[in-house]
Amino acid sequence: MTEHHLKGRFRSSAGEIAWGTDGTGPDVVLVHGTPANSVIWRGVIDRLRSDFRFHYLDLPGYGASEKFEEQDVRLRTFARVLREFVDHLGIDRPHLVGHDFGAATVLGAHLVEAVPARSLIIADGVVLNPWGTPYARHVREHVEAFAGVPGHIHRAMLAVQLTTGVSRPLSVQMEEALIAPWTGEVGQSAYYRQIALYDHDYTGRLEALYPGIRVPTLILWGEEDRWVDPTVGQRLAALVPGSRLETLPDAGHFSMLDVPGLFASLLRAELTAHGSVPA
């Protein structure tokens, strides 16, 4: 895996955001979900950087971005911050790609925050109620107790949780890149803060807006996703006019990590097909 750089910083309404840009070509914004950060896109970026200009960020409270007590890390806040990020970059009608929470983020940015998009690509998205794995729901119900566990136990639980999101073992490098931001006093507090602020009301609001989407929309889903059932992708496709659903064999929830080559190939085809389609 090529080293993942986040050299940019900008002050959003929810704290300082770490971000990076890589590649040359049409603008594509990549948005990760939970409990991840922008490093999940590295394999895709490395395969497509000669054809597209990728912009990626760590969401507020995630990865290398700022984390602090009382930080607002709800989905609605992520959508607003994504609008601020696009404005900060000064790019016009980028392709918006979102995974997990990032899917709700790009949909909220487009549908609620009025960010123009050339196309939407939704991967294994947290986009329809009800959502949340049984483990995450249990943690949310007892978040104070979990927040106080010793750091080594917290790290071990995170590692086990991640194994259920993929269909093949993560590399040691990738596992550490995903876990490290959630460790230490600040990181552990931030991890349980984002679970405590799961924003089901916002996804409920978005559901009513999906039939109004008028830009090309591709929905990608891992056939072996154990976090968000593939039937959610089918339901979303039925709600979004003209959308197309592609299932990815041998892929779990983190489909871009399990099958990066296939994911990149499907993304390339979609971005190329709609490179000049106006929003």
C-alpha atoms as a PDB file:
ATOM      1  CA  MET A   1       0.000   0.000   0.000  1.00  0.00           C
ATOM      2  CA  THR A   2       1.330   3.415  -0.983  1.00  0.00           C
ATOM      3  CA  GLU A   3       1.788   5.796   1.937  1.00  0.00           C
ATOM      4  CA  HIS A   4      -1.413   7.705   2.619  1.00  0.00           C
ATOM      5  CA  HIS A   5      -0.879  11.461   2.885  1.00  0.00           C
ATOM      6  CA  LEU A   6      -3.195  13.976   4.568  1.00  0.00           C
ATOM      7  CA  LYS A   7      -1.240  17.210   4.160  1.00  0.00           C
ATOM      8  CA  GLY A   8      -4.198  19.587   3.960  1.00  0.00           C
ATOM      9  CA  ARG A   9      -5.981  21.193   6.896  1.00  0.00           C
ATOM     10  CA  PHE A  10      -9.068  23.366   6.979  1.00  0.00           C
ATOM     11  CA  ARG A  11     -11.226  24.655   9.788  1.00  0.00           C
ATOM     12  CA  SER A  12     -14.764  23.316   9.431  1.00  0.00           C
ATOM     13  CA  SER A  13     -17.787  24.130  11.571  1.00  0.00           C
ATOM     14  CA  ALA A  14     -17.128  20.846  13.431  1.00  0.00           C
ATOM     15  CA  GLY A  15     -13.387  21.181  13.966  1.00  0.00           C
ATOM     16  CA  GLU A  16     -10.174  21.014  11.975  1.00  0.00           C
ATOM     17  CA  ILE A  17     -10.292  18.560   9.094  1.00  0.00           C
ATOM     18  CA  ALA A  18      -7.343  16.596   7.682  1.00  0.00           C
ATOM     19  CA  TRP A  19      -7.519  16.004   3.936  1.00  0.00           C
ATOM     20  CA  GLY A  20      -5.478  15.126   0.876  1.00  0.00           C
ATOM     21  CA  THR A  21      -5.529  15.200  -2.923  1.00  0.00           C
ATOM     22  CA  ASP A  22      -3.990  12.685  -5.329  1.00  0.00           C
ATOM     23  CA  GLY A  23      -4.150  12.134  -9.075  1.00  0.00           C
ATOM     24  CA  THR A  24      -4.995  14.039 -12.230  1.00  0.00           C
ATOM     25  CA  GLY A  25      -8.311  14.354 -14.051  1.00  0.00           C
ATOM     26  CA  PRO A  26     -11.984  14.945 -13.202  1.00  0.00           C
ATOM     27  CA  ASP A  27     -12.644  15.717  -9.534  1.00  0.00           C
ATOM     28  CA  VAL A  28     -13.818  12.858  -7.314  1.00  0.00           C
ATOM     29  CA  VAL A  29     -14.545  13.267  -3.589  1.00  0.00           C
ATOM     30  CA  LEU A  30     -14.185  10.131  -1.447  1.00  0.00           C
ATOM     31  CA  VAL A  31     -15.955   9.905   1.921  1.00  0.00           C
ATOM     32  CA  HIS A  32     -15.309   7.082   4.399  1.00  0.00           C
ATOM     33  CA  GLY A  33     -17.642   5.706   7.063  1.00  0.00           C
ATOM     34  CA  THR A  34     -17.354   4.319  10.589  1.00  0.00           C
ATOM     35  CA  PRO A  35     -15.195   3.111  12.253  1.00  0.00           C
ATOM     36  CA  ALA A  36     -12.780   3.924   9.426  1.00  0.00           C
ATOM     37  CA  ASN A  37     -10.919   6.874   7.931  1.00  0.00           C
ATOM     38  CA  SER A  38      -9.799   7.906   4.464  1.00  0.00           C
ATOM     39  CA  VAL A  39      -7.054   5.267   4.317  1.00  0.00           C
ATOM     40  CA  ILE A  40      -9.652   2.742   3.098  1.00  0.00           C
ATOM     41  CA  TRP A  41      -9.550   4.443  -0.325  1.00  0.00           C
ATOM     42  CA  ARG A  42      -5.781   4.087  -0.834  1.00  0.00           C
ATOM     43  CA  GLY A  43      -5.945   0.914  -2.951  1.00  0.00           C
ATOM     44  CA  VAL A  44      -8.568   2.453  -5.238  1.00  0.00           C
ATOM     45  CA  ILE A  45      -6.687   5.738  -5.544  1.00  0.00           C
ATOM     46  CA  ASP A  46      -3.463   3.950  -6.443  1.00  0.00           C
ATOM     47  CA  ARG A  47      -5.236   2.155  -9.302  1.00  0.00           C
ATOM     48  CA  LEU A  48      -7.024   5.210 -10.733  1.00  0.00           C
ATOM     49  CA  ARG A  49      -4.809   8.225  -9.945  1.00  0.00           C
ATOM     50  CA  SER A  50      -3.690   8.589 -13.576  1.00  0.00           C
ATOM     51  CA  ASP A  51      -7.277   9.222 -14.712  1.00  0.00           C
ATOM     52  CA  PHE A  52      -8.988  11.072 -11.848  1.00  0.00           C
ATOM     53  CA  ARG A  53      -8.180  13.691  -9.238  1.00  0.00           C
ATOM     54  CA  PHE A  54      -9.202  12.309  -5.863  1.00  0.00           C
ATOM     55  CA  HIS A  55      -9.974  14.474  -2.837  1.00  0.00           C
ATOM     56  CA  TYR A  56     -10.360  12.634   0.470  1.00  0.00           C
ATOM     57  CA  LEU A  57     -10.912  13.726   4.053  1.00  0.00           C
ATOM     58  CA  ASP A  58     -11.113  12.291   7.527  1.00  0.00           C
ATOM     59  CA  LEU A  59     -14.552  13.193   8.855  1.00  0.00           C
ATOM     60  CA  PRO A  60     -14.833  15.289  12.055  1.00  0.00           C
ATOM     61  CA  GLY A  61     -13.718  13.193  15.021  1.00  0.00           C
ATOM     62  CA  TYR A  62     -12.180  10.492  12.807  1.00  0.00           C
ATOM     63  CA  GLY A  63      -8.684   9.566  11.679  1.00  0.00           C
ATOM     64  CA  ALA A  64      -6.255  12.492  11.710  1.00  0.00           C
ATOM     65  CA  SER A  65      -8.992  15.128  12.034  1.00  0.00           C
ATOM     66  CA  GLU A  66      -9.553  16.996  15.275  1.00  0.00           C
ATOM     67  CA  LYS A  67     -11.277  15.217  18.157  1.00  0.00           C
ATOM     68  CA  PHE A  68     -12.663  16.971  21.234  1.00  0.00           C
ATOM     69  CA  GLU A  69     -15.303  16.662  23.939  1.00  0.00           C
ATOM     70  CA  GLU A  70     -18.848  17.705  22.956  1.00  0.00           C
ATOM     71  CA  GLN A  71     -17.908  17.515  19.268  1.00  0.00           C
ATOM     72  CA  ASP A  72     -20.938  17.137  16.981  1.00  0.00           C
ATOM     73  CA  VAL A  73     -20.299  13.978  14.949  1.00  0.00           C
ATOM     74  CA  ARG A  74     -23.816  13.315  13.677  1.00  0.00           C
ATOM     75  CA  LEU A  75     -24.532  12.420  10.043  1.00  0.00           C
ATOM     76  CA  ARG A  76     -26.223  15.776   9.459  1.00  0.00           C
ATOM     77  CA  THR A  77     -23.042  17.494  10.590  1.00  0.00           C
ATOM     78  CA  PHE A  78     -20.935  15.384   8.241  1.00  0.00           C
ATOM     79  CA  ALA A  79     -23.141  16.446   5.309  1.00  0.00           C
ATOM     80  CA  ARG A  80     -22.663  20.098   6.218  1.00  0.00           C
ATOM     81  CA  VAL A  81     -18.909  19.656   6.602  1.00  0.00           C
ATOM     82  CA  LEU A  82     -18.730  17.942   3.209  1.00  0.00           C
ATOM     83  CA  ARG A  83     -20.381  21.002   1.656  1.00  0.00           C
ATOM     84  CA  GLU A  84     -17.812  23.173   3.417  1.00  0.00           C
ATOM     85  CA  PHE A  85     -15.030  20.912   2.132  1.00  0.00           C
ATOM     86  CA  VAL A  86     -16.211  21.128  -1.484  1.00  0.00           C
ATOM     87  CA  ASP A  87     -16.495  24.906  -1.129  1.00  0.00           C
ATOM     88  CA  HIS A  88     -12.999  25.022   0.374  1.00  0.00           C
ATOM     89  CA  LEU A  89     -11.606  23.104  -2.597  1.00  0.00           C
ATOM     90  CA  GLY A  90     -13.441  25.354  -5.042  1.00  0.00           C
ATOM     91  CA  ILE A  91     -14.444  22.442  -7.281  1.00  0.00           C
ATOM     92  CA  ASP A  92     -17.577  22.377  -9.425  1.00  0.00           C
ATOM     93  CA  ARG A  93     -19.880  19.339  -9.633  1.00  0.00           C
ATOM     94  CA  PRO A  94     -17.501  16.636  -8.419  1.00  0.00           C
ATOM     95  CA  HIS A  95     -18.334  12.966  -8.464  1.00  0.00           C
ATOM     96  CA  LEU A  96     -19.299  12.056  -4.867  1.00  0.00           C
ATOM     97  CA  VAL A  97     -18.359   8.611  -3.555  1.00  0.00           C
ATOM     98  CA  GLY A  98     -19.445   7.486  -0.089  1.00  0.00           C
ATOM     99  CA  HIS A  99     -19.087   4.301   1.954  1.00  0.00           C
ATOM    100  CA  ASP A 100     -21.070   3.363   5.083  1.00  0.00           C
ATOM    101  CA  PHE A 101     -21.672   6.654   6.984  1.00  0.00           C
ATOM    102  CA  GLY A 102     -19.979   8.348   4.048  1.00  0.00           C
ATOM    103  CA  ALA A 103     -22.857   7.238   1.838  1.00  0.00           C
ATOM    104  CA  ALA A 104     -25.381   9.077   4.010  1.00  0.00           C
ATOM    105  CA  THR A 105     -22.938  11.979   4.073  1.00  0.00           C
ATOM    106  CA  VAL A 106     -22.741  12.392   0.297  1.00  0.00           C
ATOM    107  CA  LEU A 107     -26.481  11.880  -0.089  1.00  0.00           C
ATOM    108  CA  GLY A 108     -27.168  14.470   2.604  1.00  0.00           C
ATOM    109  CA  ALA A 109     -24.656  16.880   1.072  1.00  0.00           C
ATOM    110  CA  HIS A 110     -26.385  16.582  -2.300  1.00  0.00           C
ATOM    111  CA  LEU A 111     -30.025  16.403  -1.226  1.00  0.00           C
ATOM    112  CA  VAL A 112     -30.059  18.653   1.862  1.00  0.00           C
ATOM    113  CA  GLU A 113     -26.967  20.850   1.558  1.00  0.00           C
ATOM    114  CA  ALA A 114     -27.469  21.329  -2.210  1.00  0.00           C
ATOM    115  CA  VAL A 115     -23.971  20.271  -3.293  1.00  0.00           C
ATOM    116  CA  PRO A 116     -24.117  19.779  -7.097  1.00  0.00           C
ATOM    117  CA  ALA A 117     -22.802  16.357  -8.144  1.00  0.00           C
ATOM    118  CA  ARG A 118     -21.819  14.933 -11.504  1.00  0.00           C
ATOM    119  CA  SER A 119     -22.642  11.461 -10.201  1.00  0.00           C
ATOM    120  CA  LEU A 120     -23.211   9.604  -6.938  1.00  0.00           C
ATOM    121  CA  ILE A 121     -21.541   6.313  -6.039  1.00  0.00           C
ATOM    122  CA  ILE A 122     -22.863   4.625  -2.906  1.00  0.00           C
ATOM    123  CA  ALA A 123     -20.944   1.663  -1.435  1.00  0.00           C
ATOM    124  CA  ASP A 124     -22.339  -0.557   1.338  1.00  0.00           C
ATOM    125  CA  GLY A 125     -24.177   2.474   2.645  1.00  0.00           C
ATOM    126  CA  VAL A 126     -25.827   3.345   5.943  1.00  0.00           C
ATOM    127  CA  VAL A 127     -28.759   4.856   4.080  1.00  0.00           C
ATOM    128  CA  LEU A 128     -32.011   3.266   5.278  1.00  0.00           C
ATOM    129  CA  ASN A 129     -33.483   2.745   8.746  1.00  0.00           C
ATOM    130  CA  PRO A 130     -33.048   0.679  10.834  1.00  0.00           C
ATOM    131  CA  TRP A 131     -29.258   0.406  10.795  1.00  0.00           C
ATOM    132  CA  GLY A 132     -26.384  -0.509  13.097  1.00  0.00           C
ATOM    133  CA  THR A 133     -24.849  -3.907  13.825  1.00  0.00           C
ATOM    134  CA  PRO A 134     -26.058  -5.760  16.933  1.00  0.00           C
ATOM    135  CA  TYR A 135     -22.683  -5.034  18.541  1.00  0.00           C
ATOM    136  CA  ALA A 136     -22.886  -1.306  17.787  1.00  0.00           C
ATOM    137  CA  ARG A 137     -26.448  -1.094  19.099  1.00  0.00           C
ATOM    138  CA  HIS A 138     -25.399  -2.885  22.303  1.00  0.00           C
ATOM    139  CA  VAL A 139     -22.463  -0.498  22.767  1.00  0.00           C
ATOM    140  CA  ARG A 140     -24.758   2.483  22.222  1.00  0.00           C
ATOM    141  CA  GLU A 141     -27.091   1.265  24.965  1.00  0.00           C
ATOM    142  CA  HIS A 142     -24.156   0.938  27.403  1.00  0.00           C
ATOM    143  CA  VAL A 143     -21.766   3.518  25.982  1.00  0.00           C
ATOM    144  CA  GLU A 144     -20.526   4.847  29.338  1.00  0.00           C
ATOM    145  CA  ALA A 145     -19.527   1.379  30.490  1.00  0.00           C
ATOM    146  CA  PHE A 146     -17.701   0.613  27.247  1.00  0.00           C
ATOM    147  CA  ALA A 147     -15.954   3.995  27.217  1.00  0.00           C
ATOM    148  CA  GLY A 148     -14.311   3.145  30.520  1.00  0.00           C
ATOM    149  CA  VAL A 149     -12.764  -0.218  29.593  1.00  0.00           C
ATOM    150  CA  PRO A 150      -8.947  -0.463  29.724  1.00  0.00           C
ATOM    151  CA  GLY A 151      -7.230   0.619  26.524  1.00  0.00           C
ATOM    152  CA  HIS A 152      -5.863  -2.817  25.610  1.00  0.00           C
ATOM    153  CA  ILE A 153      -9.339  -4.357  25.856  1.00  0.00           C
ATOM    154  CA  HIS A 154     -10.810  -1.539  23.780  1.00  0.00           C
ATOM    155  CA  ARG A 155      -8.169  -2.145  21.085  1.00  0.00           C
ATOM    156  CA  ALA A 156      -8.838  -5.887  21.099  1.00  0.00           C
ATOM    157  CA  MET A 157     -12.595  -5.340  20.687  1.00  0.00           C
ATOM    158  CA  LEU A 158     -11.976  -3.026  17.746  1.00  0.00           C
ATOM    159  CA  ALA A 159      -9.743  -5.585  16.072  1.00  0.00           C
ATOM    160  CA  VAL A 160     -12.387  -8.298  16.426  1.00  0.00           C
ATOM    161  CA  GLN A 161     -15.102  -5.960  15.174  1.00  0.00           C
ATOM    162  CA  LEU A 162     -13.122  -5.186  12.030  1.00  0.00           C
ATOM    163  CA  THR A 163     -12.745  -8.879  11.198  1.00  0.00           C
ATOM    164  CA  THR A 164     -16.523  -9.090  10.778  1.00  0.00           C
ATOM    165  CA  GLY A 165     -16.500  -6.260   8.220  1.00  0.00           C
ATOM    166  CA  VAL A 166     -14.222  -7.974   5.709  1.00  0.00           C
ATOM    167  CA  SER A 167     -14.206 -11.274   3.863  1.00  0.00           C
ATOM    168  CA  ARG A 168     -10.436 -11.711   3.952  1.00  0.00           C
ATOM    169  CA  PRO A 169      -7.903 -10.789   6.634  1.00  0.00           C
ATOM    170  CA  LEU A 170      -6.758  -7.192   6.767  1.00  0.00           C
ATOM    171  CA  SER A 171      -3.044  -6.561   6.383  1.00  0.00           C
ATOM    172  CA  VAL A 172      -1.247  -5.657   9.593  1.00  0.00           C
ATOM    173  CA  GLN A 173      -0.614  -2.196   8.118  1.00  0.00           C
ATOM    174  CA  MET A 174      -4.280  -1.575   7.275  1.00  0.00           C
ATOM    175  CA  GLU A 175      -5.548  -2.898  10.605  1.00  0.00           C
ATOM    176  CA  GLU A 176      -3.217  -0.551  12.481  1.00  0.00           C
ATOM    177  CA  ALA A 177      -4.204   2.406  10.267  1.00  0.00           C
ATOM    178  CA  LEU A 178      -7.862   1.801  11.130  1.00  0.00           C
ATOM    179  CA  ILE A 179      -7.416   1.145  14.862  1.00  0.00           C
ATOM    180  CA  ALA A 180      -4.691   3.610  15.886  1.00  0.00           C
ATOM    181  CA  PRO A 181      -6.826   6.795  15.628  1.00  0.00           C
ATOM    182  CA  TRP A 182      -9.272   5.312  18.156  1.00  0.00           C
ATOM    183  CA  THR A 183      -6.654   4.561  20.807  1.00  0.00           C
ATOM    184  CA  GLY A 184      -5.299   6.620  23.682  1.00  0.00           C
ATOM    185  CA  GLU A 185      -7.475   8.803  25.897  1.00  0.00           C
ATOM    186  CA  VAL A 186      -8.575  11.155  23.105  1.00  0.00           C
ATOM    187  CA  GLY A 187      -9.106   8.463  20.482  1.00  0.00           C
ATOM    188  CA  GLN A 188     -11.010   6.065  22.722  1.00  0.00           C
ATOM    189  CA  SER A 189     -13.348   8.835  23.877  1.00  0.00           C
ATOM    190  CA  ALA A 190     -13.924   9.862  20.256  1.00  0.00           C
ATOM    191  CA  TYR A 191     -14.814   6.297  19.273  1.00  0.00           C
ATOM    192  CA  TYR A 192     -17.611   5.998  21.817  1.00  0.00           C
ATOM    193  CA  ARG A 193     -18.750   9.579  21.193  1.00  0.00           C
ATOM    194  CA  GLN A 194     -19.576   8.818  17.561  1.00  0.00           C
ATOM    195  CA  ILE A 195     -21.543   5.721  18.574  1.00  0.00           C
ATOM    196  CA  ALA A 196     -23.506   7.714  21.152  1.00  0.00           C
ATOM    197  CA  LEU A 197     -24.499  10.203  18.412  1.00  0.00           C
ATOM    198  CA  TYR A 198     -25.794   7.744  15.820  1.00  0.00           C
ATOM    199  CA  ASP A 199     -28.236   9.843  13.784  1.00  0.00           C
ATOM    200  CA  HIS A 200     -31.204   7.683  12.759  1.00  0.00           C
ATOM    201  CA  ASP A 201     -33.495  10.706  12.409  1.00  0.00           C
ATOM    202  CA  TYR A 202     -31.320  12.040   9.608  1.00  0.00           C
ATOM    203  CA  THR A 203     -31.375   8.827   7.577  1.00  0.00           C
ATOM    204  CA  GLY A 204     -35.148   8.815   8.035  1.00  0.00           C
ATOM    205  CA  ARG A 205     -35.258  12.317   6.552  1.00  0.00           C
ATOM    206  CA  LEU A 206     -33.080  11.270   3.629  1.00  0.00           C
ATOM    207  CA  GLU A 207     -35.264   8.285   2.753  1.00  0.00           C
ATOM    208  CA  ALA A 208     -38.093  10.592   1.710  1.00  0.00           C
ATOM    209  CA  LEU A 209     -35.722  12.487  -0.612  1.00  0.00           C
ATOM    210  CA  TYR A 210     -34.167   9.581  -2.536  1.00  0.00           C
ATOM    211  CA  PRO A 211     -36.875   9.515  -5.233  1.00  0.00           C
ATOM    212  CA  GLY A 212     -35.865  13.084  -6.086  1.00  0.00           C
ATOM    213  CA  ILE A 213     -32.294  12.200  -7.086  1.00  0.00           C
ATOM    214  CA  ARG A 214     -31.704  13.230 -10.693  1.00  0.00           C
ATOM    215  CA  VAL A 215     -27.999  12.494 -11.198  1.00  0.00           C
ATOM    216  CA  PRO A 216     -26.485   9.160 -12.302  1.00  0.00           C
ATOM    217  CA  THR A 217     -26.258   6.870  -9.280  1.00  0.00           C
ATOM    218  CA  LEU A 218     -24.298   3.645  -8.924  1.00  0.00           C
ATOM    219  CA  ILE A 219     -24.823   1.429  -5.869  1.00  0.00           C
ATOM    220  CA  LEU A 220     -22.058  -1.044  -4.992  1.00  0.00           C
ATOM    221  CA  TRP A 221     -22.538  -3.753  -2.371  1.00  0.00           C
ATOM    222  CA  GLY A 222     -20.420  -6.613  -1.081  1.00  0.00           C
ATOM    223  CA  GLU A 223     -22.288  -9.894  -1.448  1.00  0.00           C
ATOM    224  CA  GLU A 224     -20.941 -10.984   1.950  1.00  0.00           C
ATOM    225  CA  ASP A 225     -21.640  -7.736   3.829  1.00  0.00           C
ATOM    226  CA  ARG A 226     -22.455  -8.720   7.419  1.00  0.00           C
ATOM    227  CA  TRP A 227     -22.816  -5.135   8.678  1.00  0.00           C
ATOM    228  CA  VAL A 228     -25.408  -3.784   6.245  1.00  0.00           C
ATOM    229  CA  ASP A 229     -27.365  -6.529   4.512  1.00  0.00           C
ATOM    230  CA  PRO A 230     -27.206  -6.500   0.688  1.00  0.00           C
ATOM    231  CA  THR A 231     -31.004  -6.231   0.595  1.00  0.00           C
ATOM    232  CA  VAL A 232     -30.536  -2.612   1.720  1.00  0.00           C
ATOM    233  CA  GLY A 233     -28.794  -1.971  -1.588  1.00  0.00           C
ATOM    234  CA  GLN A 234     -31.766  -3.446  -3.406  1.00  0.00           C
ATOM    235  CA  ARG A 235     -34.166  -1.253  -1.455  1.00  0.00           C
ATOM    236  CA  LEU A 236     -32.107   1.844  -2.170  1.00  0.00           C
ATOM    237  CA  ALA A 237     -31.946   1.034  -5.883  1.00  0.00           C
ATOM    238  CA  ALA A 238     -35.731   0.787  -5.944  1.00  0.00           C
ATOM    239  CA  LEU A 239     -36.010   4.269  -4.424  1.00  0.00           C
ATOM    240  CA  VAL A 240     -33.491   6.122  -6.623  1.00  0.00           C
ATOM    241  CA  PRO A 241     -34.762   6.656 -10.182  1.00  0.00           C
ATOM    242  CA  GLY A 242     -32.477   5.208 -12.845  1.00  0.00           C
ATOM    243  CA  SER A 243     -29.917   3.909 -10.363  1.00  0.00           C
ATOM    244  CA  ARG A 244     -27.887   0.755 -10.971  1.00  0.00           C
ATOM    245  CA  LEU A 245     -26.914  -1.859  -8.380  1.00  0.00           C
ATOM    246  CA  GLU A 246     -23.736  -3.931  -8.705  1.00  0.00           C
ATOM    247  CA  THR A 247     -22.961  -6.650  -6.174  1.00  0.00           C
ATOM    248  CA  LEU A 248     -19.336  -7.546  -5.566  1.00  0.00           C
ATOM    249  CA  PRO A 249     -18.560 -11.241  -5.020  1.00  0.00           C
ATOM    250  CA  ASP A 250     -16.065 -12.232  -2.323  1.00  0.00           C
ATOM    251  CA  ALA A 251     -16.539  -8.849  -0.636  1.00  0.00           C
ATOM    252  CA  GLY A 252     -17.798  -7.929   2.803  1.00  0.00           C
ATOM    253  CA  HIS A 253     -18.777  -4.520   4.137  1.00  0.00           C
ATOM    254  CA  PHE A 254     -15.406  -2.998   3.241  1.00  0.00           C
ATOM    255  CA  SER A 255     -15.686  -3.980  -0.408  1.00  0.00           C
ATOM    256  CA  MET A 256     -12.896  -1.595  -1.476  1.00  0.00           C
ATOM    257  CA  LEU A 257     -10.524  -3.474   0.847  1.00  0.00           C
ATOM    258  CA  ASP A 258     -11.662  -7.005  -0.008  1.00  0.00           C
ATOM    259  CA  VAL A 259     -11.712  -6.574  -3.808  1.00  0.00           C
ATOM    260  CA  PRO A 260      -9.920  -3.292  -4.595  1.00  0.00           C
ATOM    261  CA  GLY A 261      -9.300  -4.222  -8.218  1.00  0.00           C
ATOM    262  CA  LEU A 262     -12.948  -4.975  -8.953  1.00  0.00           C
ATOM    263  CA  PHE A 263     -14.110  -1.949  -6.973  1.00  0.00           C
ATOM    264  CA  ALA A 264     -11.718   0.305  -8.895  1.00  0.00           C
ATOM    265  CA  SER A 265     -12.769  -1.188 -12.231  1.00  0.00           C
ATOM    266  CA  LEU A 266     -16.470  -0.530 -11.572  1.00  0.00           C
ATOM    267  CA  LEU A 267     -15.699   2.951 -10.289  1.00  0.00           C
ATOM    268  CA  ARG A 268     -13.580   3.765 -13.343  1.00  0.00           C
ATOM    269  CA  ALA A 269     -16.349   2.703 -15.710  1.00  0.00           C
ATOM    270  CA  GLU A 270     -18.959   4.766 -13.875  1.00  0.00           C
ATOM    271  CA  LEU A 271     -16.823   7.892 -13.582  1.00  0.00           C
ATOM    272  CA  THR A 272     -15.827   7.682 -17.243  1.00  0.00           C
ATOM    273  CA  ALA A 273     -19.401   7.158 -18.412  1.00  0.00           C
ATOM    274  CA  HIS A 274     -20.621  10.255 -16.600  1.00  0.00           C
ATOM    275  CA  GLY A 275     -17.591  12.491 -16.864  1.00  0.00           C
ATOM    276  CA  SER A 276     -19.468  15.260 -18.656  1.00  0.00           C
ATOM    277  CA  VAL A 277     -23.037  14.731 -17.521  1.00  0.00           C
ATOM    278  CA  PRO A 278     -24.379  17.982 -15.989  1.00  0.00           C
ATOM    279  CA  ALA A 279     -26.070  17.914 -12.598  1.00  0.00           C
END
